[in-house]
Amino acid sequence: MMKAADIMTKDVVTIRGAATVAQAVDLMKQKGLRALIVERRHDQDAYGIVTETDIVYKVAAFGKDPKTVRVYEIMTKPCIVVNPDLGVEYVARLFANSGIRRAPVITDKLLGIISVTDILTKSDFVEQPKEVVFADKIQEAIENARTICTQKGAASPECAAAWDAVEEMQAEAAHQRAKKVDKTAFDEYCEEYPEALEARIYDN
């Protein structure tokens, strides 16, 4: 499963919040960028981001002089940040839910920047769609659970634990698809082996 760190752009261009918008535009033109990360003033400070949209919507649209407007006046701070270990599909979901197109990748320090373009051109969502990957893993887990239950008994703790693992995977797959699971694999198993339900009654 690809992570944000695998597809992010490591060469990040930053700018000071006190810089003018004209300086930001010049830097964007020089580097061919659509956004700049705004530097922190100290270790406890948050990173910011200024995008081409901020400049067009907040400066150009009102006829303001970009040489007198400062980056800190139009930037987003704190900005949404991405953990380098976050799966690419969750980065895509984060972008979709928040309506953003790019975000800095940060742990304790700035590591890179990730954008919708990175997801489109560098990730494996075409070759390895998570829907298919999850389906294969879930099928393996179901077969494993049935094997354990055959060996240990349908009402055994081992059988219950194996189905717990299956249900967690099915829940994850359902969340990924944003679709509710109508009937879990364990529900189907219980139709064959009703005694298995007893093993799911846990002590407090």
N, C-alpha and C. Protein backbone atom coordinates (compact mmCIF):
# COMPACT_ATOMS: atom_id res chain seq x y z
N MET A 1 0.85 -1.19 0.00
CA MET A 1 0.00 0.00 0.00
C MET A 1 0.89 1.25 0.00
N MET A 2 0.73 2.10 -1.00
CA MET A 2 1.56 3.29 -1.10
C MET A 2 1.16 4.32 -0.05
N LYS A 3 2.16 5.04 0.43
CA LYS A 3 1.95 6.06 1.45
C LYS A 3 2.28 7.44 0.88
N ALA A 4 1.90 8.45 1.62
CA ALA A 4 2.17 9.83 1.18
C ALA A 4 3.65 10.04 0.92
N ALA A 5 4.50 9.46 1.77
CA ALA A 5 5.95 9.63 1.63
C ALA A 5 6.47 9.07 0.31
N ASP A 6 5.76 8.08 -0.25
CA ASP A 6 6.21 7.44 -1.48
C ASP A 6 6.00 8.31 -2.72
N ILE A 7 5.04 9.22 -2.66
CA ILE A 7 4.72 9.99 -3.87
C ILE A 7 4.85 11.50 -3.69
N MET A 8 5.17 11.94 -2.49
CA MET A 8 5.28 13.39 -2.26
C MET A 8 6.46 13.99 -3.02
N THR A 9 6.41 15.29 -3.22
CA THR A 9 7.53 16.03 -3.79
C THR A 9 8.39 16.52 -2.64
N LYS A 10 9.64 16.10 -2.63
CA LYS A 10 10.50 16.42 -1.49
C LYS A 10 11.12 17.81 -1.58
N ASP A 11 11.28 18.31 -2.78
CA ASP A 11 11.88 19.63 -2.96
C ASP A 11 10.80 20.69 -2.79
N VAL A 12 10.62 21.16 -1.56
CA VAL A 12 9.54 22.09 -1.24
C VAL A 12 10.07 23.52 -1.25
N VAL A 13 9.35 24.39 -1.91
CA VAL A 13 9.72 25.80 -1.94
C VAL A 13 8.89 26.54 -0.88
N THR A 14 9.59 27.27 -0.02
CA THR A 14 8.92 27.99 1.07
C THR A 14 9.08 29.49 0.90
N ILE A 15 8.26 30.23 1.62
CA ILE A 15 8.33 31.68 1.61
C ILE A 15 7.99 32.20 3.00
N ARG A 16 8.49 33.36 3.34
CA ARG A 16 8.17 33.96 4.64
C ARG A 16 6.79 34.59 4.60
N GLY A 17 6.12 34.58 5.72
CA GLY A 17 4.81 35.20 5.79
C GLY A 17 4.87 36.70 5.55
N ALA A 18 6.01 37.32 5.87
CA ALA A 18 6.15 38.78 5.71
C ALA A 18 6.48 39.18 4.28
N ALA A 19 6.77 38.21 3.41
CA ALA A 19 7.07 38.52 2.02
C ALA A 19 5.83 39.10 1.34
N THR A 20 6.05 39.86 0.27
CA THR A 20 4.91 40.42 -0.45
C THR A 20 4.32 39.38 -1.40
N VAL A 21 3.09 39.61 -1.78
CA VAL A 21 2.44 38.73 -2.74
C VAL A 21 3.17 38.79 -4.08
N ALA A 22 3.71 39.96 -4.41
CA ALA A 22 4.48 40.10 -5.65
C ALA A 22 5.69 39.17 -5.64
N GLN A 23 6.35 39.07 -4.49
CA GLN A 23 7.49 38.16 -4.36
C GLN A 23 7.03 36.70 -4.50
N ALA A 24 5.88 36.40 -3.92
CA ALA A 24 5.33 35.04 -4.02
C ALA A 24 5.02 34.69 -5.47
N VAL A 25 4.41 35.62 -6.19
CA VAL A 25 4.08 35.40 -7.60
C VAL A 25 5.35 35.18 -8.41
N ASP A 26 6.37 36.00 -8.15
CA ASP A 26 7.64 35.87 -8.86
C ASP A 26 8.26 34.50 -8.61
N LEU A 27 8.23 34.05 -7.35
CA LEU A 27 8.79 32.75 -7.00
C LEU A 27 8.01 31.61 -7.67
N MET A 28 6.69 31.74 -7.68
CA MET A 28 5.86 30.72 -8.33
C MET A 28 6.17 30.64 -9.82
N LYS A 29 6.34 31.79 -10.45
CA LYS A 29 6.65 31.81 -11.89
C LYS A 29 8.02 31.17 -12.15
N GLN A 30 9.00 31.53 -11.34
CA GLN A 30 10.35 30.99 -11.51
C GLN A 30 10.38 29.47 -11.40
N LYS A 31 9.65 28.95 -10.40
CA LYS A 31 9.69 27.52 -10.09
C LYS A 31 8.58 26.72 -10.77
N GLY A 32 7.65 27.41 -11.41
CA GLY A 32 6.53 26.70 -12.05
C GLY A 32 5.61 26.05 -11.04
N LEU A 33 5.29 26.76 -9.95
CA LEU A 33 4.50 26.20 -8.86
C LEU A 33 3.13 26.85 -8.75
N ARG A 34 2.22 26.13 -8.10
CA ARG A 34 0.88 26.65 -7.87
C ARG A 34 0.64 26.98 -6.40
N ALA A 35 1.62 26.65 -5.56
CA ALA A 35 1.49 26.93 -4.14
C ALA A 35 2.87 27.01 -3.50
N LEU A 36 2.94 27.74 -2.41
CA LEU A 36 4.16 27.84 -1.62
C LEU A 36 3.82 27.55 -0.17
N ILE A 37 4.72 26.87 0.52
CA ILE A 37 4.54 26.64 1.95
C ILE A 37 5.11 27.85 2.69
N VAL A 38 4.35 28.34 3.64
CA VAL A 38 4.78 29.51 4.42
C VAL A 38 5.54 29.02 5.64
N GLU A 39 6.75 29.52 5.79
CA GLU A 39 7.65 29.06 6.85
C GLU A 39 7.09 29.36 8.25
N ARG A 40 7.48 28.52 9.20
CA ARG A 40 7.16 28.77 10.61
C ARG A 40 8.10 29.85 11.15
N ARG A 41 7.63 30.61 12.13
CA ARG A 41 8.47 31.62 12.75
C ARG A 41 9.30 31.04 13.88
N HIS A 42 8.81 29.92 14.47
CA HIS A 42 9.53 29.23 15.54
C HIS A 42 9.01 27.80 15.60
N ASP A 43 9.61 26.99 16.45
CA ASP A 43 9.29 25.55 16.49
C ASP A 43 7.85 25.24 16.86
N GLN A 44 7.22 26.10 17.65
CA GLN A 44 5.83 25.85 18.07
C GLN A 44 4.82 26.46 17.10
N ASP A 45 5.31 27.14 16.10
CA ASP A 45 4.43 27.79 15.13
C ASP A 45 3.91 26.76 14.13
N ALA A 46 2.83 27.10 13.46
CA ALA A 46 2.27 26.21 12.43
C ALA A 46 2.75 26.64 11.05
N TYR A 47 2.79 25.68 10.14
CA TYR A 47 3.07 26.00 8.75
C TYR A 47 1.81 26.59 8.12
N GLY A 48 2.02 27.39 7.09
CA GLY A 48 0.91 27.93 6.32
C GLY A 48 1.08 27.55 4.87
N ILE A 49 0.10 27.91 4.05
CA ILE A 49 0.19 27.67 2.61
C ILE A 49 -0.47 28.84 1.89
N VAL A 50 0.14 29.25 0.80
CA VAL A 50 -0.46 30.28 -0.05
C VAL A 50 -0.50 29.70 -1.46
N THR A 51 -1.66 29.77 -2.08
CA THR A 51 -1.85 29.15 -3.39
C THR A 51 -2.16 30.19 -4.45
N GLU A 52 -2.09 29.75 -5.70
CA GLU A 52 -2.43 30.64 -6.81
C GLU A 52 -3.87 31.13 -6.68
N THR A 53 -4.74 30.27 -6.16
CA THR A 53 -6.14 30.65 -5.97
C THR A 53 -6.26 31.77 -4.94
N ASP A 54 -5.49 31.68 -3.84
CA ASP A 54 -5.50 32.75 -2.84
C ASP A 54 -5.14 34.08 -3.48
N ILE A 55 -4.11 34.05 -4.30
CA ILE A 55 -3.61 35.28 -4.93
C ILE A 55 -4.63 35.85 -5.91
N VAL A 56 -5.20 34.98 -6.74
CA VAL A 56 -6.17 35.45 -7.73
C VAL A 56 -7.46 35.93 -7.07
N TYR A 57 -7.97 35.13 -6.12
CA TYR A 57 -9.26 35.46 -5.50
C TYR A 57 -9.18 36.62 -4.51
N LYS A 58 -8.05 36.74 -3.81
CA LYS A 58 -7.97 37.73 -2.72
C LYS A 58 -7.19 38.99 -3.07
N VAL A 59 -6.42 38.93 -4.15
CA VAL A 59 -5.62 40.11 -4.53
C VAL A 59 -6.02 40.60 -5.92
N ALA A 60 -5.82 39.76 -6.93
CA ALA A 60 -6.11 40.18 -8.31
C ALA A 60 -7.58 40.55 -8.49
N ALA A 61 -8.48 39.77 -7.90
CA ALA A 61 -9.91 40.00 -8.07
C ALA A 61 -10.37 41.36 -7.53
N PHE A 62 -9.61 41.93 -6.58
CA PHE A 62 -9.98 43.20 -6.00
C PHE A 62 -9.08 44.35 -6.46
N GLY A 63 -8.21 44.03 -7.42
CA GLY A 63 -7.35 45.07 -7.95
C GLY A 63 -6.32 45.59 -6.97
N LYS A 64 -5.99 44.78 -5.95
CA LYS A 64 -5.02 45.21 -4.94
C LYS A 64 -3.61 45.18 -5.51
N ASP A 65 -2.74 45.98 -4.94
CA ASP A 65 -1.35 46.01 -5.37
C ASP A 65 -0.58 44.88 -4.70
N PRO A 66 -0.14 43.87 -5.45
CA PRO A 66 0.55 42.73 -4.84
C PRO A 66 1.87 43.11 -4.19
N LYS A 67 2.39 44.29 -4.49
CA LYS A 67 3.66 44.72 -3.88
C LYS A 67 3.44 45.28 -2.48
N THR A 68 2.17 45.51 -2.12
CA THR A 68 1.88 46.04 -0.78
C THR A 68 1.13 45.05 0.11
N VAL A 69 0.60 43.98 -0.49
CA VAL A 69 -0.11 42.95 0.28
C VAL A 69 0.91 41.88 0.70
N ARG A 70 0.86 41.49 1.96
CA ARG A 70 1.79 40.48 2.48
C ARG A 70 1.17 39.08 2.40
N VAL A 71 2.04 38.11 2.29
CA VAL A 71 1.59 36.72 2.20
C VAL A 71 0.74 36.33 3.41
N TYR A 72 1.12 36.78 4.60
CA TYR A 72 0.37 36.38 5.80
C TYR A 72 -1.07 36.87 5.78
N GLU A 73 -1.37 37.88 4.95
CA GLU A 73 -2.72 38.43 4.88
C GLU A 73 -3.67 37.52 4.09
N ILE A 74 -3.12 36.68 3.23
CA ILE A 74 -4.00 35.87 2.36
C ILE A 74 -3.77 34.37 2.51
N MET A 75 -2.76 33.98 3.28
CA MET A 75 -2.43 32.55 3.40
C MET A 75 -3.45 31.81 4.27
N THR A 76 -3.41 30.50 4.24
CA THR A 76 -4.17 29.64 5.15
C THR A 76 -3.19 29.12 6.19
N LYS A 77 -3.48 29.41 7.46
CA LYS A 77 -2.60 28.98 8.55
C LYS A 77 -3.41 28.85 9.83
N PRO A 78 -3.32 27.74 10.53
CA PRO A 78 -2.58 26.53 10.14
C PRO A 78 -3.27 25.87 8.95
N CYS A 79 -2.49 25.20 8.15
CA CYS A 79 -3.06 24.51 6.99
C CYS A 79 -3.22 23.03 7.31
N ILE A 80 -4.03 22.35 6.53
CA ILE A 80 -4.17 20.90 6.67
C ILE A 80 -2.85 20.26 6.29
N VAL A 81 -2.38 19.35 7.13
CA VAL A 81 -1.10 18.68 6.88
C VAL A 81 -1.33 17.17 6.78
N VAL A 82 -0.38 16.51 6.15
CA VAL A 82 -0.48 15.06 5.92
C VAL A 82 0.69 14.36 6.61
N ASN A 83 0.37 13.26 7.29
CA ASN A 83 1.41 12.42 7.89
C ASN A 83 2.06 11.60 6.78
N PRO A 84 3.39 11.47 6.76
CA PRO A 84 4.05 10.75 5.68
C PRO A 84 3.63 9.28 5.57
N ASP A 85 3.13 8.69 6.67
CA ASP A 85 2.73 7.28 6.66
C ASP A 85 1.27 7.07 6.26
N LEU A 86 0.55 8.15 5.99
CA LEU A 86 -0.86 8.02 5.61
C LEU A 86 -0.98 7.39 4.23
N GLY A 87 -1.87 6.40 4.10
CA GLY A 87 -2.09 5.74 2.82
C GLY A 87 -2.58 6.74 1.78
N VAL A 88 -2.17 6.54 0.53
CA VAL A 88 -2.51 7.48 -0.54
C VAL A 88 -4.02 7.63 -0.70
N GLU A 89 -4.77 6.52 -0.55
CA GLU A 89 -6.22 6.63 -0.71
C GLU A 89 -6.83 7.52 0.36
N TYR A 90 -6.21 7.56 1.56
CA TYR A 90 -6.73 8.44 2.61
C TYR A 90 -6.32 9.88 2.38
N VAL A 91 -5.18 10.09 1.75
CA VAL A 91 -4.81 11.44 1.35
C VAL A 91 -5.86 11.95 0.35
N ALA A 92 -6.21 11.10 -0.61
CA ALA A 92 -7.23 11.47 -1.60
C ALA A 92 -8.56 11.77 -0.92
N ARG A 93 -8.92 10.94 0.06
CA ARG A 93 -10.19 11.17 0.79
C ARG A 93 -10.14 12.49 1.57
N LEU A 94 -8.99 12.77 2.19
CA LEU A 94 -8.80 14.02 2.93
C LEU A 94 -8.97 15.21 1.99
N PHE A 95 -8.36 15.12 0.81
CA PHE A 95 -8.47 16.21 -0.16
C PHE A 95 -9.93 16.38 -0.60
N ALA A 96 -10.59 15.28 -0.86
CA ALA A 96 -11.99 15.33 -1.31
C ALA A 96 -12.90 15.94 -0.24
N ASN A 97 -12.69 15.51 1.01
CA ASN A 97 -13.54 15.99 2.10
C ASN A 97 -13.32 17.46 2.44
N SER A 98 -12.08 17.91 2.27
CA SER A 98 -11.75 19.29 2.66
C SER A 98 -11.72 20.26 1.49
N GLY A 99 -11.78 19.72 0.25
CA GLY A 99 -11.80 20.58 -0.92
C GLY A 99 -10.46 21.22 -1.25
N ILE A 100 -9.37 20.61 -0.78
CA ILE A 100 -8.04 21.15 -1.09
C ILE A 100 -7.37 20.32 -2.18
N ARG A 101 -6.32 20.87 -2.76
CA ARG A 101 -5.63 20.18 -3.86
C ARG A 101 -4.21 19.78 -3.50
N ARG A 102 -3.70 20.30 -2.39
CA ARG A 102 -2.32 19.98 -1.99
C ARG A 102 -2.17 20.27 -0.51
N ALA A 103 -1.16 19.63 0.10
CA ALA A 103 -0.90 19.84 1.52
C ALA A 103 0.55 19.49 1.83
N PRO A 104 1.14 20.17 2.81
CA PRO A 104 2.50 19.80 3.21
C PRO A 104 2.51 18.47 3.95
N VAL A 105 3.59 17.73 3.79
CA VAL A 105 3.78 16.46 4.49
C VAL A 105 4.73 16.75 5.65
N ILE A 106 4.24 16.50 6.86
CA ILE A 106 4.96 16.95 8.05
C ILE A 106 4.93 15.89 9.14
N THR A 107 6.05 15.71 9.82
CA THR A 107 6.07 15.02 11.12
C THR A 107 6.42 16.11 12.12
N ASP A 108 7.66 16.16 12.55
CA ASP A 108 8.10 17.29 13.38
C ASP A 108 8.57 18.44 12.51
N LYS A 109 8.95 18.13 11.29
CA LYS A 109 9.43 19.15 10.37
C LYS A 109 8.82 18.93 8.99
N LEU A 110 9.01 19.88 8.12
CA LEU A 110 8.50 19.81 6.77
C LEU A 110 9.31 18.80 5.96
N LEU A 111 8.63 17.78 5.42
CA LEU A 111 9.30 16.72 4.65
C LEU A 111 9.06 16.83 3.14
N GLY A 112 7.91 17.39 2.78
CA GLY A 112 7.57 17.47 1.37
C GLY A 112 6.19 18.08 1.20
N ILE A 113 5.69 17.98 -0.01
CA ILE A 113 4.34 18.45 -0.31
C ILE A 113 3.69 17.41 -1.22
N ILE A 114 2.40 17.19 -1.04
CA ILE A 114 1.69 16.21 -1.86
C ILE A 114 0.47 16.88 -2.48
N SER A 115 0.19 16.55 -3.73
CA SER A 115 -0.90 17.20 -4.44
C SER A 115 -1.76 16.16 -5.16
N VAL A 116 -2.89 16.64 -5.69
CA VAL A 116 -3.74 15.74 -6.47
C VAL A 116 -2.99 15.24 -7.71
N THR A 117 -2.10 16.06 -8.23
CA THR A 117 -1.30 15.64 -9.38
C THR A 117 -0.39 14.47 -9.02
N ASP A 118 0.21 14.52 -7.82
CA ASP A 118 1.05 13.41 -7.35
C ASP A 118 0.23 12.12 -7.26
N ILE A 119 -0.97 12.25 -6.73
CA ILE A 119 -1.84 11.07 -6.59
C ILE A 119 -2.18 10.50 -7.97
N LEU A 120 -2.46 11.39 -8.90
CA LEU A 120 -2.85 10.97 -10.25
C LEU A 120 -1.69 10.34 -11.02
N THR A 121 -0.50 10.91 -10.88
CA THR A 121 0.62 10.49 -11.74
C THR A 121 1.61 9.53 -11.09
N LYS A 122 1.66 9.48 -9.76
CA LYS A 122 2.69 8.67 -9.10
C LYS A 122 2.16 7.49 -8.30
N SER A 123 0.87 7.51 -7.96
CA SER A 123 0.35 6.42 -7.12
C SER A 123 -0.07 5.22 -7.97
N ASP A 124 -0.42 4.13 -7.29
CA ASP A 124 -0.77 2.89 -7.98
C ASP A 124 -2.26 2.59 -7.95
N PHE A 125 -3.10 3.64 -7.85
CA PHE A 125 -4.53 3.39 -7.70
C PHE A 125 -5.15 2.76 -8.95
N VAL A 126 -4.51 2.91 -10.11
CA VAL A 126 -5.02 2.27 -11.32
C VAL A 126 -4.61 0.79 -11.34
N GLU A 127 -3.32 0.54 -11.04
CA GLU A 127 -2.81 -0.83 -11.08
C GLU A 127 -3.24 -1.66 -9.86
N GLN A 128 -3.35 -1.00 -8.72
CA GLN A 128 -3.68 -1.70 -7.48
C GLN A 128 -4.85 -1.02 -6.77
N PRO A 129 -6.04 -1.03 -7.36
CA PRO A 129 -7.18 -0.39 -6.68
C PRO A 129 -7.44 -1.05 -5.32
N LYS A 130 -7.60 -0.25 -4.30
CA LYS A 130 -7.75 -0.79 -2.94
C LYS A 130 -8.98 -1.68 -2.81
N GLU A 131 -10.00 -1.42 -3.59
CA GLU A 131 -11.20 -2.26 -3.57
C GLU A 131 -10.84 -3.71 -3.89
N VAL A 132 -10.00 -3.89 -4.90
CA VAL A 132 -9.59 -5.24 -5.32
C VAL A 132 -8.64 -5.85 -4.29
N VAL A 133 -7.68 -5.03 -3.82
CA VAL A 133 -6.71 -5.51 -2.83
C VAL A 133 -7.42 -5.95 -1.56
N PHE A 134 -8.36 -5.13 -1.08
CA PHE A 134 -9.12 -5.48 0.13
C PHE A 134 -9.91 -6.76 -0.09
N ALA A 135 -10.54 -6.90 -1.24
CA ALA A 135 -11.37 -8.08 -1.52
C ALA A 135 -10.52 -9.35 -1.43
N ASP A 136 -9.32 -9.31 -2.00
CA ASP A 136 -8.43 -10.47 -1.95
C ASP A 136 -8.01 -10.80 -0.52
N LYS A 137 -7.64 -9.75 0.24
CA LYS A 137 -7.20 -9.96 1.62
C LYS A 137 -8.34 -10.47 2.51
N ILE A 138 -9.53 -9.95 2.27
CA ILE A 138 -10.70 -10.38 3.05
C ILE A 138 -11.00 -11.85 2.77
N GLN A 139 -10.92 -12.25 1.51
CA GLN A 139 -11.19 -13.64 1.15
C GLN A 139 -10.18 -14.57 1.82
N GLU A 140 -8.91 -14.15 1.85
CA GLU A 140 -7.88 -14.94 2.54
C GLU A 140 -8.19 -15.05 4.03
N ALA A 141 -8.61 -13.93 4.63
CA ALA A 141 -8.91 -13.93 6.07
C ALA A 141 -10.12 -14.80 6.38
N ILE A 142 -11.11 -14.80 5.49
CA ILE A 142 -12.30 -15.65 5.68
C ILE A 142 -11.91 -17.13 5.65
N GLU A 143 -11.10 -17.48 4.67
CA GLU A 143 -10.65 -18.88 4.55
C GLU A 143 -9.84 -19.28 5.78
N ASN A 144 -9.01 -18.34 6.26
CA ASN A 144 -8.21 -18.60 7.47
C ASN A 144 -9.11 -18.80 8.68
N ALA A 145 -10.14 -17.95 8.80
CA ALA A 145 -11.06 -18.05 9.93
C ALA A 145 -11.82 -19.38 9.91
N ARG A 146 -12.26 -19.79 8.75
CA ARG A 146 -12.99 -21.05 8.64
C ARG A 146 -12.08 -22.23 9.00
N THR A 147 -10.81 -22.16 8.60
CA THR A 147 -9.86 -23.22 8.93
C THR A 147 -9.66 -23.30 10.45
N ILE A 148 -9.47 -22.15 11.08
CA ILE A 148 -9.27 -22.10 12.54
C ILE A 148 -10.49 -22.64 13.26
N CYS A 149 -11.68 -22.24 12.78
CA CYS A 149 -12.91 -22.68 13.44
C CYS A 149 -13.14 -24.18 13.27
N THR A 150 -12.72 -24.71 12.16
CA THR A 150 -12.82 -26.16 11.94
C THR A 150 -11.89 -26.90 12.90
N GLN A 151 -10.69 -26.35 13.09
CA GLN A 151 -9.70 -26.99 13.96
C GLN A 151 -10.02 -26.81 15.44
N LYS A 152 -10.43 -25.61 15.83
CA LYS A 152 -10.61 -25.28 17.25
C LYS A 152 -12.05 -25.35 17.74
N GLY A 153 -12.99 -25.36 16.78
CA GLY A 153 -14.40 -25.39 17.16
C GLY A 153 -15.04 -24.03 16.94
N ALA A 154 -16.29 -24.06 16.50
CA ALA A 154 -17.00 -22.83 16.16
C ALA A 154 -17.21 -21.90 17.34
N ALA A 155 -17.26 -22.46 18.56
CA ALA A 155 -17.49 -21.63 19.75
C ALA A 155 -16.20 -21.29 20.48
N SER A 156 -15.05 -21.57 19.89
CA SER A 156 -13.78 -21.33 20.57
C SER A 156 -13.36 -19.86 20.50
N PRO A 157 -12.56 -19.41 21.49
CA PRO A 157 -12.05 -18.04 21.46
C PRO A 157 -11.20 -17.76 20.21
N GLU A 158 -10.48 -18.78 19.76
CA GLU A 158 -9.64 -18.61 18.56
C GLU A 158 -10.50 -18.33 17.32
N CYS A 159 -11.63 -19.03 17.26
CA CYS A 159 -12.56 -18.82 16.14
C CYS A 159 -13.11 -17.39 16.19
N ALA A 160 -13.50 -16.96 17.39
CA ALA A 160 -14.04 -15.60 17.55
C ALA A 160 -13.01 -14.55 17.16
N ALA A 161 -11.76 -14.76 17.58
CA ALA A 161 -10.70 -13.80 17.26
C ALA A 161 -10.45 -13.73 15.75
N ALA A 162 -10.52 -14.88 15.09
CA ALA A 162 -10.31 -14.90 13.64
C ALA A 162 -11.41 -14.13 12.91
N TRP A 163 -12.66 -14.27 13.40
CA TRP A 163 -13.75 -13.52 12.76
C TRP A 163 -13.69 -12.04 13.11
N ASP A 164 -13.16 -11.71 14.29
CA ASP A 164 -12.94 -10.30 14.63
C ASP A 164 -12.03 -9.65 13.59
N ALA A 165 -10.97 -10.36 13.24
CA ALA A 165 -10.02 -9.85 12.25
C ALA A 165 -10.70 -9.65 10.89
N VAL A 166 -11.54 -10.59 10.51
CA VAL A 166 -12.26 -10.48 9.24
C VAL A 166 -13.18 -9.26 9.26
N GLU A 167 -13.92 -9.09 10.35
CA GLU A 167 -14.87 -7.99 10.42
C GLU A 167 -14.17 -6.63 10.41
N GLU A 168 -13.00 -6.55 11.04
CA GLU A 168 -12.23 -5.31 11.01
C GLU A 168 -11.84 -4.97 9.57
N MET A 169 -11.42 -5.99 8.83
CA MET A 169 -11.05 -5.77 7.43
C MET A 169 -12.25 -5.37 6.59
N GLN A 170 -13.38 -6.01 6.84
CA GLN A 170 -14.59 -5.66 6.09
C GLN A 170 -15.05 -4.24 6.43
N ALA A 171 -14.91 -3.85 7.70
CA ALA A 171 -15.27 -2.49 8.10
C ALA A 171 -14.37 -1.47 7.40
N GLU A 172 -13.08 -1.80 7.33
CA GLU A 172 -12.13 -0.91 6.66
C GLU A 172 -12.46 -0.78 5.18
N ALA A 173 -12.78 -1.90 4.54
CA ALA A 173 -13.14 -1.88 3.12
C ALA A 173 -14.42 -1.09 2.89
N ALA A 174 -15.39 -1.24 3.79
CA ALA A 174 -16.65 -0.51 3.66
C ALA A 174 -16.43 0.98 3.83
N HIS A 175 -15.56 1.33 4.79
CA HIS A 175 -15.24 2.75 4.99
C HIS A 175 -14.55 3.31 3.76
N GLN A 176 -13.67 2.53 3.17
CA GLN A 176 -12.96 2.97 1.98
C GLN A 176 -13.93 3.26 0.84
N ARG A 177 -14.95 2.42 0.72
CA ARG A 177 -15.94 2.61 -0.35
C ARG A 177 -17.07 3.54 0.06
N ALA A 178 -17.06 3.96 1.34
CA ALA A 178 -18.14 4.78 1.90
C ALA A 178 -19.49 4.07 1.73
N LYS A 179 -19.47 2.77 2.03
CA LYS A 179 -20.67 1.95 1.87
C LYS A 179 -20.80 1.00 3.04
N LYS A 180 -22.00 0.88 3.58
CA LYS A 180 -22.25 0.03 4.74
C LYS A 180 -22.22 -1.45 4.35
N VAL A 181 -21.70 -2.28 5.27
CA VAL A 181 -21.72 -3.73 5.07
C VAL A 181 -23.09 -4.25 5.48
N ASP A 182 -23.82 -4.85 4.56
CA ASP A 182 -25.16 -5.36 4.86
C ASP A 182 -25.10 -6.64 5.70
N LYS A 183 -24.22 -7.54 5.31
CA LYS A 183 -24.06 -8.80 6.05
C LYS A 183 -22.58 -9.16 6.05
N THR A 184 -22.03 -9.33 7.26
CA THR A 184 -20.61 -9.66 7.36
C THR A 184 -20.38 -11.13 7.07
N ALA A 185 -19.12 -11.48 6.86
CA ALA A 185 -18.76 -12.88 6.63
C ALA A 185 -19.09 -13.71 7.86
N PHE A 186 -18.97 -13.09 9.05
CA PHE A 186 -19.29 -13.82 10.28
C PHE A 186 -20.80 -14.09 10.37
N ASP A 187 -21.62 -13.13 9.95
CA ASP A 187 -23.07 -13.35 9.92
C ASP A 187 -23.41 -14.57 9.05
N GLU A 188 -22.73 -14.63 7.90
CA GLU A 188 -22.96 -15.77 7.01
C GLU A 188 -22.49 -17.08 7.64
N TYR A 189 -21.36 -17.02 8.36
CA TYR A 189 -20.84 -18.21 9.04
C TYR A 189 -21.80 -18.68 10.12
N CYS A 190 -22.39 -17.72 10.84
CA CYS A 190 -23.31 -18.06 11.93
C CYS A 190 -24.60 -18.70 11.41
N GLU A 191 -24.94 -18.42 10.17
CA GLU A 191 -26.11 -19.09 9.58
C GLU A 191 -25.85 -20.59 9.44
N GLU A 192 -24.59 -20.94 9.22
CA GLU A 192 -24.20 -22.35 9.13
C GLU A 192 -23.92 -22.94 10.51
N TYR A 193 -23.29 -22.13 11.38
CA TYR A 193 -22.88 -22.59 12.71
C TYR A 193 -23.36 -21.61 13.78
N PRO A 194 -24.62 -21.71 14.18
CA PRO A 194 -25.19 -20.76 15.16
C PRO A 194 -24.43 -20.72 16.48
N GLU A 195 -23.78 -21.83 16.85
CA GLU A 195 -23.06 -21.88 18.12
C GLU A 195 -21.87 -20.91 18.14
N ALA A 196 -21.42 -20.49 16.98
CA ALA A 196 -20.28 -19.57 16.91
C ALA A 196 -20.61 -18.24 17.56
N LEU A 197 -21.90 -17.90 17.59
CA LEU A 197 -22.32 -16.62 18.17
C LEU A 197 -21.99 -16.56 19.66
N GLU A 198 -22.02 -17.68 20.33
CA GLU A 198 -21.73 -17.71 21.77
C GLU A 198 -20.31 -17.26 22.07
N ALA A 199 -19.38 -17.53 21.18
CA ALA A 199 -18.00 -17.16 21.41
C ALA A 199 -17.78 -15.66 21.28
N ARG A 200 -18.76 -14.92 20.74
CA ARG A 200 -18.63 -13.48 20.60
C ARG A 200 -19.18 -12.72 21.77
N ILE A 201 -19.69 -13.42 22.78
CA ILE A 201 -20.18 -12.76 24.01
C ILE A 201 -19.01 -12.61 24.94
N TYR A 202 -18.51 -11.38 25.06
CA TYR A 202 -17.28 -11.14 25.83
C TYR A 202 -17.61 -10.73 27.26
N ASP A 203 -16.69 -11.14 28.17
CA ASP A 203 -16.82 -10.69 29.55
C ASP A 203 -16.39 -9.24 29.64
N ASN A 204 -16.98 -8.50 30.59
CA ASN A 204 -16.55 -7.09 30.80
C ASN A 204 -15.19 -7.05 31.44
